[in-house]
């Protein structure tokens, strides 16, 4: 049993709330916290984070989005298949290659995506009272080709295995920016794709190298279950535009972590 179970439980709650609000797996909070606050070596923090995320910790959050009609099952299934393969590839990269350059490239990518979500020109126009074109939510989301969704899953899986994140930081921006999904539907679908144990092969790779703390992972997972549910309820009660901009600000903060982490 770890020496700081309540701190790990609180970490899970915070990560879960962000997961439920933004469709991420929570690893983007768990990994830096384990590394910087709890003193885990980076690879051990990544492996432990992925172990948390193989459990169905977002089940109640997904259920809330599903009841609100904000989950597209077929999209989630195809993305999940890509996640399984990509996660193993990302884990092998993380265990055998330096990741500093890739981290910085990904951080720059997140800045671009954050700009797309925050939409500063539209925000400025709203503040100054200028008219804006209507931007209705997609009640009937597009149906992209199956190989496009598999590709999104593969990229998300590689990022997941490499950085210890759930993959939602790739899935949600891809669904919204590239495939024109409504923000809430993208979040719900991303959480559904991450619900199965898509990181199992990646976790096995880390576990074989002794880079997983199962006791800590179990405690964090307990907190993440409750945090994800409340995060989903918060997001569903906000306008999609507000959720998009909050997510953009969140991505800016995350991008600084990737760019400036030594």
C-alpha atoms as a PDB file:
ATOM      1  CA  UNK A   1       0.000   0.000   0.000  1.00  0.00           C
ATOM      2  CA  UNK A   2       1.436   3.426  -0.934  1.00  0.00           C
ATOM      3  CA  UNK A   3       2.283   5.902   1.831  1.00  0.00           C
ATOM      4  CA  UNK A   4      -0.054   8.579   0.415  1.00  0.00           C
ATOM      5  CA  UNK A   5      -3.361   6.869  -0.536  1.00  0.00           C
ATOM      6  CA  UNK A   6      -5.560   9.932   0.038  1.00  0.00           C
ATOM      7  CA  UNK A   7      -3.340  12.099  -2.135  1.00  0.00           C
ATOM      8  CA  UNK A   8      -3.527   9.494  -4.910  1.00  0.00           C
ATOM      9  CA  UNK A   9      -7.312   9.308  -4.506  1.00  0.00           C
ATOM     10  CA  UNK A  10      -7.548  13.107  -4.831  1.00  0.00           C
ATOM     11  CA  UNK A  11      -5.339  12.952  -7.932  1.00  0.00           C
ATOM     12  CA  UNK A  12      -7.791  10.457  -9.428  1.00  0.00           C
ATOM     13  CA  UNK A  13     -10.777  12.717  -8.704  1.00  0.00           C
ATOM     14  CA  UNK A  14      -9.135  15.736 -10.356  1.00  0.00           C
ATOM     15  CA  UNK A  15      -8.014  13.698 -13.371  1.00  0.00           C
ATOM     16  CA  UNK A  16     -11.481  12.172 -13.617  1.00  0.00           C
ATOM     17  CA  UNK A  17     -13.248  15.533 -13.649  1.00  0.00           C
ATOM     18  CA  UNK A  18     -11.070  16.716 -16.534  1.00  0.00           C
ATOM     19  CA  UNK A  19     -11.658  13.369 -18.241  1.00  0.00           C
ATOM     20  CA  UNK A  20     -15.427  13.700 -17.998  1.00  0.00           C
ATOM     21  CA  UNK A  21     -15.431  17.318 -19.149  1.00  0.00           C
ATOM     22  CA  UNK A  22     -13.017  17.031 -22.062  1.00  0.00           C
ATOM     23  CA  UNK A  23     -13.070  13.370 -23.151  1.00  0.00           C
ATOM     24  CA  UNK A  24      -9.443  12.705 -22.205  1.00  0.00           C
ATOM     25  CA  UNK A  25      -8.289   9.624 -20.338  1.00  0.00           C
ATOM     26  CA  UNK A  26      -6.878  11.568 -17.389  1.00  0.00           C
ATOM     27  CA  UNK A  27      -3.268  10.569 -17.993  1.00  0.00           C
ATOM     28  CA  UNK A  28      -2.303  14.105 -18.948  1.00  0.00           C
ATOM     29  CA  UNK A  29      -2.846  14.963 -15.255  1.00  0.00           C
ATOM     30  CA  UNK A  30      -1.762  11.652 -13.719  1.00  0.00           C
ATOM     31  CA  UNK A  31       1.652  11.365 -15.405  1.00  0.00           C
ATOM     32  CA  UNK A  32       3.071  14.801 -14.463  1.00  0.00           C
ATOM     33  CA  UNK A  33       1.593  14.545 -10.954  1.00  0.00           C
ATOM     34  CA  UNK A  34       3.166  11.138 -10.320  1.00  0.00           C
ATOM     35  CA  UNK A  35       6.464  12.323 -11.744  1.00  0.00           C
ATOM     36  CA  UNK A  36       6.720  15.820 -10.239  1.00  0.00           C
ATOM     37  CA  UNK A  37       4.776  15.470  -6.973  1.00  0.00           C
ATOM     38  CA  UNK A  38       5.136  11.807  -6.009  1.00  0.00           C
ATOM     39  CA  UNK A  39       8.654  11.297  -7.366  1.00  0.00           C
ATOM     40  CA  UNK A  40       7.930   8.493  -9.826  1.00  0.00           C
ATOM     41  CA  UNK A  41      10.501   8.011 -12.615  1.00  0.00           C
ATOM     42  CA  UNK A  42       8.879   9.122 -15.896  1.00  0.00           C
ATOM     43  CA  UNK A  43       8.538   5.656 -17.445  1.00  0.00           C
ATOM     44  CA  UNK A  44       7.042   4.281 -14.214  1.00  0.00           C
ATOM     45  CA  UNK A  45       4.599   7.208 -14.096  1.00  0.00           C
ATOM     46  CA  UNK A  46       3.547   6.496 -17.689  1.00  0.00           C
ATOM     47  CA  UNK A  47       3.124   2.771 -17.064  1.00  0.00           C
ATOM     48  CA  UNK A  48       1.109   3.355 -13.882  1.00  0.00           C
ATOM     49  CA  UNK A  49      -1.107   5.911 -15.641  1.00  0.00           C
ATOM     50  CA  UNK A  50      -1.846   3.462 -18.446  1.00  0.00           C
ATOM     51  CA  UNK A  51      -2.690   0.790 -15.858  1.00  0.00           C
ATOM     52  CA  UNK A  52      -5.287   3.156 -14.385  1.00  0.00           C
ATOM     53  CA  UNK A  53      -6.806   3.692 -17.815  1.00  0.00           C
ATOM     54  CA  UNK A  54      -7.273   0.011 -18.732  1.00  0.00           C
ATOM     55  CA  UNK A  55     -10.050  -0.143 -16.121  1.00  0.00           C
ATOM     56  CA  UNK A  56     -13.577   1.034 -17.114  1.00  0.00           C
ATOM     57  CA  UNK A  57     -13.148   4.144 -14.969  1.00  0.00           C
ATOM     58  CA  UNK A  58     -15.239   6.361 -17.274  1.00  0.00           C
ATOM     59  CA  UNK A  59     -18.267   4.055 -17.369  1.00  0.00           C
ATOM     60  CA  UNK A  60     -20.642   6.406 -15.553  1.00  0.00           C
ATOM     61  CA  UNK A  61     -19.406   9.384 -17.568  1.00  0.00           C
ATOM     62  CA  UNK A  62     -20.018   7.500 -20.823  1.00  0.00           C
ATOM     63  CA  UNK A  63     -23.464   6.503 -19.559  1.00  0.00           C
ATOM     64  CA  UNK A  64     -24.309  10.160 -18.892  1.00  0.00           C
ATOM     65  CA  UNK A  65     -23.233  11.175 -22.404  1.00  0.00           C
ATOM     66  CA  UNK A  66     -25.052   8.186 -23.937  1.00  0.00           C
ATOM     67  CA  UNK A  67     -28.312   9.085 -22.207  1.00  0.00           C
ATOM     68  CA  UNK A  68     -27.914  12.610 -23.576  1.00  0.00           C
ATOM     69  CA  UNK A  69     -27.491  11.188 -27.115  1.00  0.00           C
ATOM     70  CA  UNK A  70     -23.873  12.300 -27.304  1.00  0.00           C
ATOM     71  CA  UNK A  71     -22.123   8.987 -28.102  1.00  0.00           C
ATOM     72  CA  UNK A  72     -21.650   7.521 -31.582  1.00  0.00           C
ATOM     73  CA  UNK A  73     -20.975   3.832 -30.943  1.00  0.00           C
ATOM     74  CA  UNK A  74     -19.738   2.918 -34.437  1.00  0.00           C
ATOM     75  CA  UNK A  75     -17.156   5.705 -34.383  1.00  0.00           C
ATOM     76  CA  UNK A  76     -16.006   4.765 -30.880  1.00  0.00           C
ATOM     77  CA  UNK A  77     -15.586   1.091 -31.864  1.00  0.00           C
ATOM     78  CA  UNK A  78     -13.371   1.850 -34.872  1.00  0.00           C
ATOM     79  CA  UNK A  79     -11.258   4.335 -32.917  1.00  0.00           C
ATOM     80  CA  UNK A  80     -10.862   1.767 -30.106  1.00  0.00           C
ATOM     81  CA  UNK A  81      -9.479  -0.827 -32.533  1.00  0.00           C
ATOM     82  CA  UNK A  82      -6.843   1.648 -33.686  1.00  0.00           C
ATOM     83  CA  UNK A  83      -6.031   2.509 -30.062  1.00  0.00           C
ATOM     84  CA  UNK A  84      -5.131  -1.094 -29.238  1.00  0.00           C
ATOM     85  CA  UNK A  85      -2.516  -1.378 -31.994  1.00  0.00           C
ATOM     86  CA  UNK A  86      -1.217   2.171 -31.659  1.00  0.00           C
ATOM     87  CA  UNK A  87      -0.847   1.881 -27.875  1.00  0.00           C
ATOM     88  CA  UNK A  88       1.543  -1.062 -28.193  1.00  0.00           C
ATOM     89  CA  UNK A  89       3.623   0.804 -30.792  1.00  0.00           C
ATOM     90  CA  UNK A  90       3.752   3.924 -28.613  1.00  0.00           C
ATOM     91  CA  UNK A  91       4.839   1.915 -25.564  1.00  0.00           C
ATOM     92  CA  UNK A  92       7.699   0.327 -27.501  1.00  0.00           C
ATOM     93  CA  UNK A  93       8.825   3.782 -28.683  1.00  0.00           C
ATOM     94  CA  UNK A  94       8.739   5.157 -25.143  1.00  0.00           C
ATOM     95  CA  UNK A  95      10.742   2.229 -23.779  1.00  0.00           C
ATOM     96  CA  UNK A  96      13.448   2.352 -26.482  1.00  0.00           C
ATOM     97  CA  UNK A  97      13.676   5.916 -27.838  1.00  0.00           C
ATOM     98  CA  UNK A  98      14.190   9.401 -26.336  1.00  0.00           C
ATOM     99  CA  UNK A  99      10.918  11.307 -26.397  1.00  0.00           C
ATOM    100  CA  UNK A 100      12.000  14.939 -25.880  1.00  0.00           C
ATOM    101  CA  UNK A 101      11.707  15.941 -29.552  1.00  0.00           C
ATOM    102  CA  UNK A 102       8.374  14.196 -29.972  1.00  0.00           C
ATOM    103  CA  UNK A 103       7.082  15.882 -26.817  1.00  0.00           C
ATOM    104  CA  UNK A 104       7.902  19.315 -28.187  1.00  0.00           C
ATOM    105  CA  UNK A 105       6.403  18.582 -31.605  1.00  0.00           C
ATOM    106  CA  UNK A 106       3.226  17.402 -29.913  1.00  0.00           C
ATOM    107  CA  UNK A 107       3.186  20.504 -27.707  1.00  0.00           C
ATOM    108  CA  UNK A 108       3.285  22.747 -30.801  1.00  0.00           C
ATOM    109  CA  UNK A 109       0.473  20.694 -32.329  1.00  0.00           C
ATOM    110  CA  UNK A 110      -1.606  21.244 -29.181  1.00  0.00           C
ATOM    111  CA  UNK A 111      -1.098  25.015 -29.443  1.00  0.00           C
ATOM    112  CA  UNK A 112      -2.530  24.928 -32.973  1.00  0.00           C
ATOM    113  CA  UNK A 113      -5.503  22.822 -31.850  1.00  0.00           C
ATOM    114  CA  UNK A 114      -6.085  25.109 -28.838  1.00  0.00           C
ATOM    115  CA  UNK A 115      -6.230  28.096 -31.223  1.00  0.00           C
ATOM    116  CA  UNK A 116      -8.892  26.289 -33.270  1.00  0.00           C
ATOM    117  CA  UNK A 117     -10.964  25.569 -30.161  1.00  0.00           C
ATOM    118  CA  UNK A 118     -10.691  28.976 -28.491  1.00  0.00           C
ATOM    119  CA  UNK A 119     -11.423  30.805 -31.798  1.00  0.00           C
ATOM    120  CA  UNK A 120      -9.986  34.148 -30.599  1.00  0.00           C
ATOM    121  CA  UNK A 121     -11.295  36.043 -33.637  1.00  0.00           C
ATOM    122  CA  UNK A 122     -14.856  34.934 -32.953  1.00  0.00           C
ATOM    123  CA  UNK A 123     -14.386  35.669 -29.258  1.00  0.00           C
ATOM    124  CA  UNK A 124     -13.149  39.174 -30.072  1.00  0.00           C
ATOM    125  CA  UNK A 125     -16.044  39.740 -32.471  1.00  0.00           C
ATOM    126  CA  UNK A 126     -18.504  38.695 -29.784  1.00  0.00           C
ATOM    127  CA  UNK A 127     -16.920  41.063 -27.279  1.00  0.00           C
ATOM    128  CA  UNK A 128     -17.069  43.969 -29.721  1.00  0.00           C
ATOM    129  CA  UNK A 129     -20.630  43.242 -30.829  1.00  0.00           C
ATOM    130  CA  UNK A 130     -19.850  42.324 -34.421  1.00  0.00           C
ATOM    131  CA  UNK A 131     -22.201  39.882 -36.188  1.00  0.00           C
ATOM    132  CA  UNK A 132     -21.055  36.286 -36.515  1.00  0.00           C
ATOM    133  CA  UNK A 133     -22.180  33.523 -38.840  1.00  0.00           C
ATOM    134  CA  UNK A 134     -24.342  30.915 -37.167  1.00  0.00           C
ATOM    135  CA  UNK A 135     -22.511  27.796 -35.982  1.00  0.00           C
ATOM    136  CA  UNK A 136     -25.189  25.226 -35.160  1.00  0.00           C
ATOM    137  CA  UNK A 137     -24.328  22.007 -33.400  1.00  0.00           C
ATOM    138  CA  UNK A 138     -24.235  18.867 -35.490  1.00  0.00           C
ATOM    139  CA  UNK A 139     -27.345  16.885 -34.557  1.00  0.00           C
ATOM    140  CA  UNK A 140     -26.398  14.308 -37.223  1.00  0.00           C
ATOM    141  CA  UNK A 141     -22.618  13.889 -37.099  1.00  0.00           C
ATOM    142  CA  UNK A 142     -20.716  13.053 -40.272  1.00  0.00           C
ATOM    143  CA  UNK A 143     -19.892   9.458 -41.127  1.00  0.00           C
ATOM    144  CA  UNK A 144     -16.198   9.442 -42.119  1.00  0.00           C
ATOM    145  CA  UNK A 145     -14.638   6.432 -43.797  1.00  0.00           C
ATOM    146  CA  UNK A 146     -13.699   3.535 -41.530  1.00  0.00           C
ATOM    147  CA  UNK A 147      -9.996   3.856 -42.324  1.00  0.00           C
ATOM    148  CA  UNK A 148     -10.010   7.511 -41.253  1.00  0.00           C
ATOM    149  CA  UNK A 149     -11.375   6.550 -37.844  1.00  0.00           C
ATOM    150  CA  UNK A 150      -8.867   3.697 -37.561  1.00  0.00           C
ATOM    151  CA  UNK A 151      -6.125   6.207 -38.370  1.00  0.00           C
ATOM    152  CA  UNK A 152      -7.335   8.534 -35.625  1.00  0.00           C
ATOM    153  CA  UNK A 153      -7.257   5.594 -33.214  1.00  0.00           C
ATOM    154  CA  UNK A 154      -3.754   4.587 -34.299  1.00  0.00           C
ATOM    155  CA  UNK A 155      -2.384   8.107 -33.770  1.00  0.00           C
ATOM    156  CA  UNK A 156      -4.168   8.393 -30.433  1.00  0.00           C
ATOM    157  CA  UNK A 157      -2.832   4.982 -29.405  1.00  0.00           C
ATOM    158  CA  UNK A 158       0.750   5.906 -30.223  1.00  0.00           C
ATOM    159  CA  UNK A 159       0.386   9.125 -28.182  1.00  0.00           C
ATOM    160  CA  UNK A 160      -1.197   7.115 -25.369  1.00  0.00           C
ATOM    161  CA  UNK A 161       1.563   4.515 -25.180  1.00  0.00           C
ATOM    162  CA  UNK A 162       4.292   7.113 -25.629  1.00  0.00           C
ATOM    163  CA  UNK A 163       3.119   9.767 -23.162  1.00  0.00           C
ATOM    164  CA  UNK A 164       0.842   7.785 -20.794  1.00  0.00           C
ATOM    165  CA  UNK A 165      -2.271   9.730 -21.807  1.00  0.00           C
ATOM    166  CA  UNK A 166      -5.610   8.153 -22.611  1.00  0.00           C
ATOM    167  CA  UNK A 167      -5.641   9.242 -26.238  1.00  0.00           C
ATOM    168  CA  UNK A 168      -8.480  11.731 -25.927  1.00  0.00           C
ATOM    169  CA  UNK A 169      -6.087  14.609 -26.580  1.00  0.00           C
ATOM    170  CA  UNK A 170      -5.860  13.292 -30.135  1.00  0.00           C
ATOM    171  CA  UNK A 171      -9.369  11.864 -30.558  1.00  0.00           C
ATOM    172  CA  UNK A 172     -11.402  14.903 -29.481  1.00  0.00           C
ATOM    173  CA  UNK A 173      -9.516  17.491 -31.582  1.00  0.00           C
ATOM    174  CA  UNK A 174      -9.585  15.134 -34.585  1.00  0.00           C
ATOM    175  CA  UNK A 175     -13.346  14.606 -34.296  1.00  0.00           C
ATOM    176  CA  UNK A 176     -14.101  18.307 -33.804  1.00  0.00           C
ATOM    177  CA  UNK A 177     -11.540  20.098 -35.977  1.00  0.00           C
ATOM    178  CA  UNK A 178     -11.067  17.592 -38.791  1.00  0.00           C
ATOM    179  CA  UNK A 179     -14.344  15.639 -38.848  1.00  0.00           C
ATOM    180  CA  UNK A 180     -16.685  18.450 -37.669  1.00  0.00           C
ATOM    181  CA  UNK A 181     -18.304  16.727 -34.714  1.00  0.00           C
ATOM    182  CA  UNK A 182     -20.094  18.754 -32.057  1.00  0.00           C
ATOM    183  CA  UNK A 183     -17.829  19.192 -29.019  1.00  0.00           C
ATOM    184  CA  UNK A 184     -20.023  17.293 -26.576  1.00  0.00           C
ATOM    185  CA  UNK A 185     -20.583  14.418 -29.006  1.00  0.00           C
ATOM    186  CA  UNK A 186     -16.822  14.240 -29.631  1.00  0.00           C
ATOM    187  CA  UNK A 187     -16.144  14.083 -25.880  1.00  0.00           C
ATOM    188  CA  UNK A 188     -18.760  11.369 -25.302  1.00  0.00           C
ATOM    189  CA  UNK A 189     -17.534   9.321 -28.260  1.00  0.00           C
ATOM    190  CA  UNK A 190     -13.906   9.676 -27.159  1.00  0.00           C
ATOM    191  CA  UNK A 191     -14.720   8.447 -23.650  1.00  0.00           C
ATOM    192  CA  UNK A 192     -16.621   5.500 -25.144  1.00  0.00           C
ATOM    193  CA  UNK A 193     -13.600   4.582 -27.297  1.00  0.00           C
ATOM    194  CA  UNK A 194     -11.397   4.668 -24.198  1.00  0.00           C
ATOM    195  CA  UNK A 195     -13.785   2.580 -22.085  1.00  0.00           C
ATOM    196  CA  UNK A 196     -12.558  -0.910 -23.169  1.00  0.00           C
ATOM    197  CA  UNK A 197      -9.048  -2.020 -22.027  1.00  0.00           C
ATOM    198  CA  UNK A 198      -7.475  -0.560 -25.183  1.00  0.00           C
ATOM    199  CA  UNK A 199      -4.133   0.016 -23.420  1.00  0.00           C
ATOM    200  CA  UNK A 200      -3.763  -3.578 -22.213  1.00  0.00           C
ATOM    201  CA  UNK A 201      -0.900  -4.448 -24.586  1.00  0.00           C
ATOM    202  CA  UNK A 202       0.893  -1.206 -23.742  1.00  0.00           C
ATOM    203  CA  UNK A 203       0.515  -1.838 -19.999  1.00  0.00           C
ATOM    204  CA  UNK A 204       1.878  -5.375 -20.473  1.00  0.00           C
ATOM    205  CA  UNK A 205       4.978  -3.909 -22.116  1.00  0.00           C
ATOM    206  CA  UNK A 206       5.571  -1.540 -19.194  1.00  0.00           C
ATOM    207  CA  UNK A 207       4.781  -4.241 -16.624  1.00  0.00           C
ATOM    208  CA  UNK A 208       7.366  -6.595 -18.109  1.00  0.00           C
ATOM    209  CA  UNK A 209       9.975  -3.881 -17.534  1.00  0.00           C
ATOM    210  CA  UNK A 210       8.830  -3.305 -13.930  1.00  0.00           C
ATOM    211  CA  UNK A 211       7.410   0.126 -14.768  1.00  0.00           C
ATOM    212  CA  UNK A 212       3.904  -0.247 -13.250  1.00  0.00           C
ATOM    213  CA  UNK A 213       2.805   0.413  -9.631  1.00  0.00           C
ATOM    214  CA  UNK A 214      -0.449  -1.571  -9.438  1.00  0.00           C
ATOM    215  CA  UNK A 215      -1.395  -0.457  -5.912  1.00  0.00           C
ATOM    216  CA  UNK A 216      -1.137   3.230  -6.806  1.00  0.00           C
ATOM    217  CA  UNK A 217      -3.014   2.620 -10.055  1.00  0.00           C
ATOM    218  CA  UNK A 218      -5.925   1.000  -8.198  1.00  0.00           C
ATOM    219  CA  UNK A 219      -6.271   3.931  -5.772  1.00  0.00           C
ATOM    220  CA  UNK A 220      -6.124   6.543  -8.537  1.00  0.00           C
ATOM    221  CA  UNK A 221      -8.713   4.575 -10.530  1.00  0.00           C
ATOM    222  CA  UNK A 222     -11.189   4.726  -7.630  1.00  0.00           C
ATOM    223  CA  UNK A 223     -11.007   8.515  -7.572  1.00  0.00           C
ATOM    224  CA  UNK A 224     -11.176   8.748 -11.346  1.00  0.00           C
ATOM    225  CA  UNK A 225     -14.523   6.890 -11.471  1.00  0.00           C
ATOM    226  CA  UNK A 226     -16.293   9.522  -9.382  1.00  0.00           C
ATOM    227  CA  UNK A 227     -14.463  12.498 -10.854  1.00  0.00           C
ATOM    228  CA  UNK A 228     -15.304  11.487 -14.438  1.00  0.00           C
ATOM    229  CA  UNK A 229     -19.022  11.255 -13.668  1.00  0.00           C
ATOM    230  CA  UNK A 230     -19.165  14.739 -12.141  1.00  0.00           C
ATOM    231  CA  UNK A 231     -17.019  16.160 -14.928  1.00  0.00           C
ATOM    232  CA  UNK A 232     -19.456  14.775 -17.499  1.00  0.00           C
ATOM    233  CA  UNK A 233     -22.423  16.323 -15.682  1.00  0.00           C
ATOM    234  CA  UNK A 234     -20.665  19.704 -15.632  1.00  0.00           C
ATOM    235  CA  UNK A 235     -19.853  19.550 -19.357  1.00  0.00           C
ATOM    236  CA  UNK A 236     -23.388  18.480 -20.343  1.00  0.00           C
ATOM    237  CA  UNK A 237     -24.809  21.467 -18.462  1.00  0.00           C
ATOM    238  CA  UNK A 238     -22.661  23.993 -20.356  1.00  0.00           C
ATOM    239  CA  UNK A 239     -23.092  25.334 -23.912  1.00  0.00           C
ATOM    240  CA  UNK A 240     -20.912  23.531 -26.492  1.00  0.00           C
ATOM    241  CA  UNK A 241     -19.090  26.781 -27.327  1.00  0.00           C
ATOM    242  CA  UNK A 242     -18.146  27.271 -23.682  1.00  0.00           C
ATOM    243  CA  UNK A 243     -16.890  23.688 -23.391  1.00  0.00           C
ATOM    244  CA  UNK A 244     -14.838  24.135 -26.582  1.00  0.00           C
ATOM    245  CA  UNK A 245     -13.139  27.262 -25.282  1.00  0.00           C
ATOM    246  CA  UNK A 246     -12.474  25.775 -21.872  1.00  0.00           C
ATOM    247  CA  UNK A 247     -10.937  22.811 -23.629  1.00  0.00           C
ATOM    248  CA  UNK A 248      -8.794  25.164 -25.725  1.00  0.00           C
ATOM    249  CA  UNK A 249      -7.436  26.861 -22.606  1.00  0.00           C
ATOM    250  CA  UNK A 250      -6.778  23.445 -21.085  1.00  0.00           C
ATOM    251  CA  UNK A 251      -4.823  22.400 -24.197  1.00  0.00           C
ATOM    252  CA  UNK A 252      -2.689  25.540 -23.987  1.00  0.00           C
ATOM    253  CA  UNK A 253      -1.689  24.628 -20.434  1.00  0.00           C
ATOM    254  CA  UNK A 254      -0.983  21.038 -21.484  1.00  0.00           C
ATOM    255  CA  UNK A 255       1.090  22.166 -24.465  1.00  0.00           C
ATOM    256  CA  UNK A 256       3.411  24.116 -22.155  1.00  0.00           C
ATOM    257  CA  UNK A 257       3.992  20.918 -20.195  1.00  0.00           C
ATOM    258  CA  UNK A 258       5.022  19.025 -23.332  1.00  0.00           C
ATOM    259  CA  UNK A 259       7.215  21.809 -24.718  1.00  0.00           C
ATOM    260  CA  UNK A 260       9.046  22.788 -21.551  1.00  0.00           C
ATOM    261  CA  UNK A 261       9.270  19.474 -19.693  1.00  0.00           C
ATOM    262  CA  UNK A 262      12.972  18.528 -19.482  1.00  0.00           C
END
